């Protein structure tokens, strides 16, 4: 992975909002996300967590405010796109083999054709999928598909990896495999920005927490004090298991 001197971070959101037909889904989100820490985005259903990730990743454009990378530097858009990756709750996979999914990404990265197969197989092996290289990606189990999505992200060598509820539909063994992969990304220097409803998982993985409620960012906190006693009433209710509307 790349070193801090060559990173697209920090990521700055300045009063970012998103509205559809006059209805505000996110309102005036302002936060700076630095490298190093693993950031968990938490909140009740409909709080705006997945939307925040999509806006940050560039899949959607804010209807108000700005998303800026690199401490205000005018980074080329192509560089920003190539230095981040996103893994969704349900992986988006091509209708081809597992190894071909990764070769395709390497092609987009302009990796020499004669190196793509070797690099793709190395990525599959790292995530325990080498024996499934020629199997159609879309017939893999849910856990295998998620690990394939992570292997595909790995070859990008991203500065930032966005993860949207990556284990929500997985069994405990598959969840553990994904969490171990997240540790690998973090150890390699990738910034993790992740949504999860699993409080146990958040406690295991988080270094800091962004807590959203009704489209607003109501709390930003290091993980330990947040889970011990959050500052906001909304977060206290959420951690207590109360219904939050």
C-alpha atoms as a PDB file:
ATOM      1  CA  UNK A   1       0.000   0.000   0.000  1.00  0.00           C
ATOM      2  CA  UNK A   2       1.074   3.586  -0.452  1.00  0.00           C
ATOM      3  CA  UNK A   3       2.743   5.773   2.126  1.00  0.00           C
ATOM      4  CA  UNK A   4       1.208   8.814   3.772  1.00  0.00           C
ATOM      5  CA  UNK A   5       3.243  11.252   1.656  1.00  0.00           C
ATOM      6  CA  UNK A   6       1.528   9.947  -1.479  1.00  0.00           C
ATOM      7  CA  UNK A   7      -2.021   9.643  -0.157  1.00  0.00           C
ATOM      8  CA  UNK A   8      -5.221  11.291  -1.345  1.00  0.00           C
ATOM      9  CA  UNK A   9      -6.211  11.757   2.308  1.00  0.00           C
ATOM     10  CA  UNK A  10      -7.510  13.560   4.267  1.00  0.00           C
ATOM     11  CA  UNK A  11     -11.130  13.406   3.152  1.00  0.00           C
ATOM     12  CA  UNK A  12     -13.038  16.586   3.978  1.00  0.00           C
ATOM     13  CA  UNK A  13     -16.805  16.906   3.929  1.00  0.00           C
ATOM     14  CA  UNK A  14     -17.924  20.516   4.256  1.00  0.00           C
ATOM     15  CA  UNK A  15     -21.637  20.975   4.973  1.00  0.00           C
ATOM     16  CA  UNK A  16     -22.487  18.104   2.665  1.00  0.00           C
ATOM     17  CA  UNK A  17     -26.177  17.580   2.040  1.00  0.00           C
ATOM     18  CA  UNK A  18     -28.273  15.407  -0.211  1.00  0.00           C
ATOM     19  CA  UNK A  19     -31.922  15.932  -1.035  1.00  0.00           C
ATOM     20  CA  UNK A  20     -34.369  14.174  -3.334  1.00  0.00           C
ATOM     21  CA  UNK A  21     -37.463  16.028  -4.541  1.00  0.00           C
ATOM     22  CA  UNK A  22     -37.123  18.521  -1.736  1.00  0.00           C
ATOM     23  CA  UNK A  23     -36.704  15.878   0.963  1.00  0.00           C
ATOM     24  CA  UNK A  24     -33.411  16.141   2.870  1.00  0.00           C
ATOM     25  CA  UNK A  25     -31.701  12.788   3.403  1.00  0.00           C
ATOM     26  CA  UNK A  26     -28.397  14.200   4.653  1.00  0.00           C
ATOM     27  CA  UNK A  27     -28.021  17.655   6.119  1.00  0.00           C
ATOM     28  CA  UNK A  28     -24.876  19.763   6.567  1.00  0.00           C
ATOM     29  CA  UNK A  29     -22.388  16.957   7.287  1.00  0.00           C
ATOM     30  CA  UNK A  30     -18.974  18.398   8.131  1.00  0.00           C
ATOM     31  CA  UNK A  31     -16.087  16.133   9.127  1.00  0.00           C
ATOM     32  CA  UNK A  32     -12.438  15.496   8.305  1.00  0.00           C
ATOM     33  CA  UNK A  33     -11.278  11.882   8.023  1.00  0.00           C
ATOM     34  CA  UNK A  34      -7.550  11.309   8.340  1.00  0.00           C
ATOM     35  CA  UNK A  35      -5.492   8.245   7.502  1.00  0.00           C
ATOM     36  CA  UNK A  36      -4.616   5.471   9.913  1.00  0.00           C
ATOM     37  CA  UNK A  37      -7.758   5.034  11.994  1.00  0.00           C
ATOM     38  CA  UNK A  38     -10.650   2.699  11.239  1.00  0.00           C
ATOM     39  CA  UNK A  39     -13.837   4.750  11.130  1.00  0.00           C
ATOM     40  CA  UNK A  40     -17.199   3.122  11.853  1.00  0.00           C
ATOM     41  CA  UNK A  41     -20.288   4.964  10.621  1.00  0.00           C
ATOM     42  CA  UNK A  42     -23.183   4.024  12.863  1.00  0.00           C
ATOM     43  CA  UNK A  43     -26.849   4.886  13.343  1.00  0.00           C
ATOM     44  CA  UNK A  44     -30.337   3.481  13.015  1.00  0.00           C
ATOM     45  CA  UNK A  45     -31.880   2.375   9.724  1.00  0.00           C
ATOM     46  CA  UNK A  46     -32.486   5.384   7.510  1.00  0.00           C
ATOM     47  CA  UNK A  47     -29.930   7.557   9.300  1.00  0.00           C
ATOM     48  CA  UNK A  48     -27.990   8.102   6.072  1.00  0.00           C
ATOM     49  CA  UNK A  49     -24.981   5.840   6.598  1.00  0.00           C
ATOM     50  CA  UNK A  50     -24.855   4.176   3.178  1.00  0.00           C
ATOM     51  CA  UNK A  51     -25.653   7.461   1.493  1.00  0.00           C
ATOM     52  CA  UNK A  52     -22.734   9.117   3.267  1.00  0.00           C
ATOM     53  CA  UNK A  53     -20.372   6.433   1.948  1.00  0.00           C
ATOM     54  CA  UNK A  54     -21.662   6.772  -1.609  1.00  0.00           C
ATOM     55  CA  UNK A  55     -21.230  10.541  -1.539  1.00  0.00           C
ATOM     56  CA  UNK A  56     -17.720  10.219  -0.120  1.00  0.00           C
ATOM     57  CA  UNK A  57     -16.736   7.568  -2.661  1.00  0.00           C
ATOM     58  CA  UNK A  58     -18.046   9.688  -5.534  1.00  0.00           C
ATOM     59  CA  UNK A  59     -20.923   7.470  -6.651  1.00  0.00           C
ATOM     60  CA  UNK A  60     -23.303  10.346  -5.919  1.00  0.00           C
ATOM     61  CA  UNK A  61     -22.857  14.113  -6.048  1.00  0.00           C
ATOM     62  CA  UNK A  62     -23.975  16.207  -3.059  1.00  0.00           C
ATOM     63  CA  UNK A  63     -26.856  18.574  -3.662  1.00  0.00           C
ATOM     64  CA  UNK A  64     -25.117  20.981  -1.280  1.00  0.00           C
ATOM     65  CA  UNK A  65     -21.663  21.291   0.231  1.00  0.00           C
ATOM     66  CA  UNK A  66     -18.389  19.828  -1.001  1.00  0.00           C
ATOM     67  CA  UNK A  67     -16.357  16.626  -0.785  1.00  0.00           C
ATOM     68  CA  UNK A  68     -12.618  17.337  -1.015  1.00  0.00           C
ATOM     69  CA  UNK A  69      -9.569  15.076  -0.975  1.00  0.00           C
ATOM     70  CA  UNK A  70      -5.938  15.816  -0.210  1.00  0.00           C
ATOM     71  CA  UNK A  71      -6.010  18.706   2.221  1.00  0.00           C
ATOM     72  CA  UNK A  72      -7.331  21.155  -0.350  1.00  0.00           C
ATOM     73  CA  UNK A  73      -4.882  20.137  -3.065  1.00  0.00           C
ATOM     74  CA  UNK A  74      -6.288  20.068  -6.580  1.00  0.00           C
ATOM     75  CA  UNK A  75      -5.914  16.326  -7.068  1.00  0.00           C
ATOM     76  CA  UNK A  76      -6.730  14.963 -10.538  1.00  0.00           C
ATOM     77  CA  UNK A  77     -10.156  13.229 -10.446  1.00  0.00           C
ATOM     78  CA  UNK A  78      -8.685  10.118 -12.069  1.00  0.00           C
ATOM     79  CA  UNK A  79      -6.119   9.800  -9.284  1.00  0.00           C
ATOM     80  CA  UNK A  80      -8.825  10.101  -6.628  1.00  0.00           C
ATOM     81  CA  UNK A  81     -10.951   7.425  -8.329  1.00  0.00           C
ATOM     82  CA  UNK A  82      -8.066   4.983  -8.645  1.00  0.00           C
ATOM     83  CA  UNK A  83      -6.897   5.357  -5.056  1.00  0.00           C
ATOM     84  CA  UNK A  84     -10.092   4.268  -3.344  1.00  0.00           C
ATOM     85  CA  UNK A  85     -12.347   1.219  -3.437  1.00  0.00           C
ATOM     86  CA  UNK A  86     -15.764   0.254  -2.134  1.00  0.00           C
ATOM     87  CA  UNK A  87     -17.254  -3.094  -1.122  1.00  0.00           C
ATOM     88  CA  UNK A  88     -21.029  -3.261  -0.874  1.00  0.00           C
ATOM     89  CA  UNK A  89     -23.404  -5.281   1.278  1.00  0.00           C
ATOM     90  CA  UNK A  90     -24.144  -7.353  -1.831  1.00  0.00           C
ATOM     91  CA  UNK A  91     -20.994  -7.536  -3.961  1.00  0.00           C
ATOM     92  CA  UNK A  92     -21.210  -6.252  -7.518  1.00  0.00           C
ATOM     93  CA  UNK A  93     -19.487  -8.971  -9.563  1.00  0.00           C
ATOM     94  CA  UNK A  94     -19.016  -9.438 -13.288  1.00  0.00           C
ATOM     95  CA  UNK A  95     -20.500 -12.408 -15.153  1.00  0.00           C
ATOM     96  CA  UNK A  96     -17.177 -14.183 -15.466  1.00  0.00           C
ATOM     97  CA  UNK A  97     -14.832 -16.285 -13.357  1.00  0.00           C
ATOM     98  CA  UNK A  98     -13.421 -15.177 -10.023  1.00  0.00           C
ATOM     99  CA  UNK A  99      -9.940 -14.677 -11.453  1.00  0.00           C
ATOM    100  CA  UNK A 100     -11.325 -12.824 -14.495  1.00  0.00           C
ATOM    101  CA  UNK A 101     -13.068 -10.363 -12.166  1.00  0.00           C
ATOM    102  CA  UNK A 102      -9.681  -9.405 -10.773  1.00  0.00           C
ATOM    103  CA  UNK A 103      -7.919  -9.422 -14.147  1.00  0.00           C
ATOM    104  CA  UNK A 104     -10.538  -6.946 -15.350  1.00  0.00           C
ATOM    105  CA  UNK A 105      -9.693  -4.501 -12.556  1.00  0.00           C
ATOM    106  CA  UNK A 106      -5.974  -4.874 -13.244  1.00  0.00           C
ATOM    107  CA  UNK A 107      -6.683  -3.986 -16.854  1.00  0.00           C
ATOM    108  CA  UNK A 108      -8.418  -0.804 -15.756  1.00  0.00           C
ATOM    109  CA  UNK A 109      -5.311  -0.004 -13.726  1.00  0.00           C
ATOM    110  CA  UNK A 110      -3.166  -0.392 -16.864  1.00  0.00           C
ATOM    111  CA  UNK A 111      -1.215  -3.320 -15.410  1.00  0.00           C
ATOM    112  CA  UNK A 112       0.735  -5.112 -18.153  1.00  0.00           C
ATOM    113  CA  UNK A 113      -1.310  -7.948 -19.611  1.00  0.00           C
ATOM    114  CA  UNK A 114       1.404 -10.542 -18.955  1.00  0.00           C
ATOM    115  CA  UNK A 115       1.325  -9.750 -15.210  1.00  0.00           C
ATOM    116  CA  UNK A 116      -2.434  -9.781 -14.653  1.00  0.00           C
ATOM    117  CA  UNK A 117      -2.974 -13.530 -14.182  1.00  0.00           C
ATOM    118  CA  UNK A 118      -0.157 -13.858 -11.646  1.00  0.00           C
ATOM    119  CA  UNK A 119      -1.278 -10.822  -9.664  1.00  0.00           C
ATOM    120  CA  UNK A 120      -4.905 -11.964  -9.741  1.00  0.00           C
ATOM    121  CA  UNK A 121      -4.000 -15.425  -8.467  1.00  0.00           C
ATOM    122  CA  UNK A 122      -1.862 -13.934  -5.698  1.00  0.00           C
ATOM    123  CA  UNK A 123      -4.844 -11.852  -4.575  1.00  0.00           C
ATOM    124  CA  UNK A 124      -7.183 -14.854  -4.652  1.00  0.00           C
ATOM    125  CA  UNK A 125      -4.681 -16.894  -2.651  1.00  0.00           C
ATOM    126  CA  UNK A 126      -4.372 -14.166  -0.022  1.00  0.00           C
ATOM    127  CA  UNK A 127      -8.130 -14.307   0.539  1.00  0.00           C
ATOM    128  CA  UNK A 128      -8.383 -18.101   0.453  1.00  0.00           C
ATOM    129  CA  UNK A 129      -9.981 -18.326  -2.983  1.00  0.00           C
ATOM    130  CA  UNK A 130      -7.232 -19.767  -5.181  1.00  0.00           C
ATOM    131  CA  UNK A 131      -9.056 -23.106  -5.583  1.00  0.00           C
ATOM    132  CA  UNK A 132     -12.121 -21.241  -6.870  1.00  0.00           C
ATOM    133  CA  UNK A 133     -10.295 -19.138  -9.459  1.00  0.00           C
ATOM    134  CA  UNK A 134     -12.119 -20.527 -12.494  1.00  0.00           C
ATOM    135  CA  UNK A 135     -15.533 -20.780 -10.872  1.00  0.00           C
ATOM    136  CA  UNK A 136     -18.158 -18.258 -12.054  1.00  0.00           C
ATOM    137  CA  UNK A 137     -18.163 -15.439  -9.521  1.00  0.00           C
ATOM    138  CA  UNK A 138     -21.932 -15.306  -9.269  1.00  0.00           C
ATOM    139  CA  UNK A 139     -22.291 -18.931  -8.131  1.00  0.00           C
ATOM    140  CA  UNK A 140     -19.926 -18.500  -5.179  1.00  0.00           C
ATOM    141  CA  UNK A 141     -21.395 -18.463  -1.683  1.00  0.00           C
ATOM    142  CA  UNK A 142     -22.145 -15.129  -0.040  1.00  0.00           C
ATOM    143  CA  UNK A 143     -18.971 -15.236   2.034  1.00  0.00           C
ATOM    144  CA  UNK A 144     -16.863 -16.235  -0.972  1.00  0.00           C
ATOM    145  CA  UNK A 145     -18.327 -13.416  -3.041  1.00  0.00           C
ATOM    146  CA  UNK A 146     -17.518 -10.920  -0.320  1.00  0.00           C
ATOM    147  CA  UNK A 147     -13.940 -12.176  -0.092  1.00  0.00           C
ATOM    148  CA  UNK A 148     -13.678 -11.928  -3.883  1.00  0.00           C
ATOM    149  CA  UNK A 149     -14.837  -8.314  -3.692  1.00  0.00           C
ATOM    150  CA  UNK A 150     -12.146  -7.693  -1.073  1.00  0.00           C
ATOM    151  CA  UNK A 151      -9.497  -9.433  -3.194  1.00  0.00           C
ATOM    152  CA  UNK A 152     -10.506  -7.240  -6.114  1.00  0.00           C
ATOM    153  CA  UNK A 153     -10.160  -4.168  -3.905  1.00  0.00           C
ATOM    154  CA  UNK A 154      -6.777  -5.397  -2.641  1.00  0.00           C
ATOM    155  CA  UNK A 155      -5.145  -5.206  -6.084  1.00  0.00           C
ATOM    156  CA  UNK A 156      -6.160  -1.547  -6.328  1.00  0.00           C
ATOM    157  CA  UNK A 157      -3.871  -0.814  -3.345  1.00  0.00           C
ATOM    158  CA  UNK A 158      -6.388   1.766  -2.128  1.00  0.00           C
ATOM    159  CA  UNK A 159      -5.626   4.635   0.197  1.00  0.00           C
ATOM    160  CA  UNK A 160      -9.237   4.341   1.358  1.00  0.00           C
ATOM    161  CA  UNK A 161     -11.588   1.352   1.482  1.00  0.00           C
ATOM    162  CA  UNK A 162     -15.300   1.999   1.966  1.00  0.00           C
ATOM    163  CA  UNK A 163     -17.258  -0.964   3.341  1.00  0.00           C
ATOM    164  CA  UNK A 164     -21.063  -0.849   3.469  1.00  0.00           C
ATOM    165  CA  UNK A 165     -22.391  -3.503   5.894  1.00  0.00           C
ATOM    166  CA  UNK A 166     -20.000  -6.085   4.420  1.00  0.00           C
ATOM    167  CA  UNK A 167     -21.001  -8.928   6.780  1.00  0.00           C
ATOM    168  CA  UNK A 168     -24.717  -8.277   7.316  1.00  0.00           C
ATOM    169  CA  UNK A 169     -25.864 -11.454   5.538  1.00  0.00           C
ATOM    170  CA  UNK A 170     -22.929 -13.733   6.409  1.00  0.00           C
ATOM    171  CA  UNK A 171     -22.583 -16.560   8.915  1.00  0.00           C
ATOM    172  CA  UNK A 172     -20.058 -16.276  11.793  1.00  0.00           C
ATOM    173  CA  UNK A 173     -17.232 -18.067   9.949  1.00  0.00           C
ATOM    174  CA  UNK A 174     -17.608 -15.888   6.859  1.00  0.00           C
ATOM    175  CA  UNK A 175     -17.881 -12.791   9.046  1.00  0.00           C
ATOM    176  CA  UNK A 176     -14.605 -13.694  10.757  1.00  0.00           C
ATOM    177  CA  UNK A 177     -12.903 -14.124   7.370  1.00  0.00           C
ATOM    178  CA  UNK A 178     -14.057 -10.677   6.271  1.00  0.00           C
ATOM    179  CA  UNK A 179     -12.947  -9.085   9.546  1.00  0.00           C
ATOM    180  CA  UNK A 180      -9.517 -10.683   9.165  1.00  0.00           C
ATOM    181  CA  UNK A 181      -9.329  -9.224   5.656  1.00  0.00           C
ATOM    182  CA  UNK A 182     -10.202  -5.795   7.041  1.00  0.00           C
ATOM    183  CA  UNK A 183      -7.345  -6.155   9.524  1.00  0.00           C
ATOM    184  CA  UNK A 184      -5.021  -6.951   6.593  1.00  0.00           C
ATOM    185  CA  UNK A 185      -6.080  -3.814   4.725  1.00  0.00           C
ATOM    186  CA  UNK A 186      -5.608  -1.706   7.843  1.00  0.00           C
ATOM    187  CA  UNK A 187      -2.185  -3.209   8.558  1.00  0.00           C
ATOM    188  CA  UNK A 188      -1.153  -2.408   4.976  1.00  0.00           C
ATOM    189  CA  UNK A 189      -1.974   1.276   5.496  1.00  0.00           C
ATOM    190  CA  UNK A 190      -5.462   1.536   4.015  1.00  0.00           C
ATOM    191  CA  UNK A 191      -7.936   3.861   5.698  1.00  0.00           C
ATOM    192  CA  UNK A 192     -11.126   1.928   6.580  1.00  0.00           C
ATOM    193  CA  UNK A 193     -14.500   3.710   6.491  1.00  0.00           C
ATOM    194  CA  UNK A 194     -17.269   1.233   7.245  1.00  0.00           C
ATOM    195  CA  UNK A 195     -20.938   1.029   8.157  1.00  0.00           C
ATOM    196  CA  UNK A 196     -22.197  -1.702  10.480  1.00  0.00           C
ATOM    197  CA  UNK A 197     -25.211  -2.491  12.640  1.00  0.00           C
ATOM    198  CA  UNK A 198     -23.255  -5.115  14.574  1.00  0.00           C
ATOM    199  CA  UNK A 199     -22.210  -3.521  17.850  1.00  0.00           C
ATOM    200  CA  UNK A 200     -19.820  -6.355  18.652  1.00  0.00           C
ATOM    201  CA  UNK A 201     -18.134  -5.922  15.294  1.00  0.00           C
ATOM    202  CA  UNK A 202     -17.942  -2.168  15.756  1.00  0.00           C
ATOM    203  CA  UNK A 203     -16.259  -2.642  19.126  1.00  0.00           C
ATOM    204  CA  UNK A 204     -13.762  -5.069  17.594  1.00  0.00           C
ATOM    205  CA  UNK A 205     -12.848  -2.931  14.612  1.00  0.00           C
ATOM    206  CA  UNK A 206     -13.463   0.743  15.357  1.00  0.00           C
ATOM    207  CA  UNK A 207     -10.862   3.331  16.232  1.00  0.00           C
ATOM    208  CA  UNK A 208     -13.360   6.168  15.859  1.00  0.00           C
ATOM    209  CA  UNK A 209     -17.115   6.422  15.396  1.00  0.00           C
ATOM    210  CA  UNK A 210     -19.299   8.743  13.350  1.00  0.00           C
ATOM    211  CA  UNK A 211     -22.866   8.551  14.636  1.00  0.00           C
ATOM    212  CA  UNK A 212     -25.697   9.689  12.367  1.00  0.00           C
ATOM    213  CA  UNK A 213     -29.289  10.344  13.291  1.00  0.00           C
ATOM    214  CA  UNK A 214     -31.995  11.456  10.849  1.00  0.00           C
ATOM    215  CA  UNK A 215     -29.440  12.527   8.277  1.00  0.00           C
ATOM    216  CA  UNK A 216     -27.349  14.583  10.684  1.00  0.00           C
ATOM    217  CA  UNK A 217     -23.924  13.882  12.134  1.00  0.00           C
ATOM    218  CA  UNK A 218     -24.569  14.145  15.854  1.00  0.00           C
ATOM    219  CA  UNK A 219     -21.375  12.669  17.269  1.00  0.00           C
ATOM    220  CA  UNK A 220     -17.744  12.075  16.286  1.00  0.00           C
ATOM    221  CA  UNK A 221     -15.756  10.249  18.940  1.00  0.00           C
ATOM    222  CA  UNK A 222     -12.852   7.886  19.558  1.00  0.00           C
ATOM    223  CA  UNK A 223     -14.289   4.394  19.866  1.00  0.00           C
ATOM    224  CA  UNK A 224     -13.521   3.651  23.521  1.00  0.00           C
ATOM    225  CA  UNK A 225     -15.325   6.645  25.072  1.00  0.00           C
ATOM    226  CA  UNK A 226     -18.181   6.310  22.587  1.00  0.00           C
ATOM    227  CA  UNK A 227     -18.972   2.760  23.609  1.00  0.00           C
ATOM    228  CA  UNK A 228     -18.410   3.524  27.281  1.00  0.00           C
ATOM    229  CA  UNK A 229     -20.742   6.519  27.314  1.00  0.00           C
ATOM    230  CA  UNK A 230     -21.665   8.481  24.174  1.00  0.00           C
ATOM    231  CA  UNK A 231     -22.246  12.207  24.496  1.00  0.00           C
ATOM    232  CA  UNK A 232     -25.481  12.387  22.512  1.00  0.00           C
ATOM    233  CA  UNK A 233     -28.890  11.193  23.676  1.00  0.00           C
ATOM    234  CA  UNK A 234     -29.493   9.602  20.272  1.00  0.00           C
ATOM    235  CA  UNK A 235     -26.359   7.467  20.510  1.00  0.00           C
ATOM    236  CA  UNK A 236     -27.117   6.462  24.098  1.00  0.00           C
ATOM    237  CA  UNK A 237     -30.560   5.281  23.022  1.00  0.00           C
ATOM    238  CA  UNK A 238     -29.070   3.408  20.058  1.00  0.00           C
ATOM    239  CA  UNK A 239     -26.509   1.566  22.176  1.00  0.00           C
ATOM    240  CA  UNK A 240     -29.223   0.711  24.707  1.00  0.00           C
ATOM    241  CA  UNK A 241     -31.197  -1.001  21.977  1.00  0.00           C
ATOM    242  CA  UNK A 242     -34.052   1.480  22.061  1.00  0.00           C
ATOM    243  CA  UNK A 243     -36.032   2.141  18.902  1.00  0.00           C
ATOM    244  CA  UNK A 244     -34.836   5.415  17.402  1.00  0.00           C
ATOM    245  CA  UNK A 245     -37.194   7.212  15.039  1.00  0.00           C
END
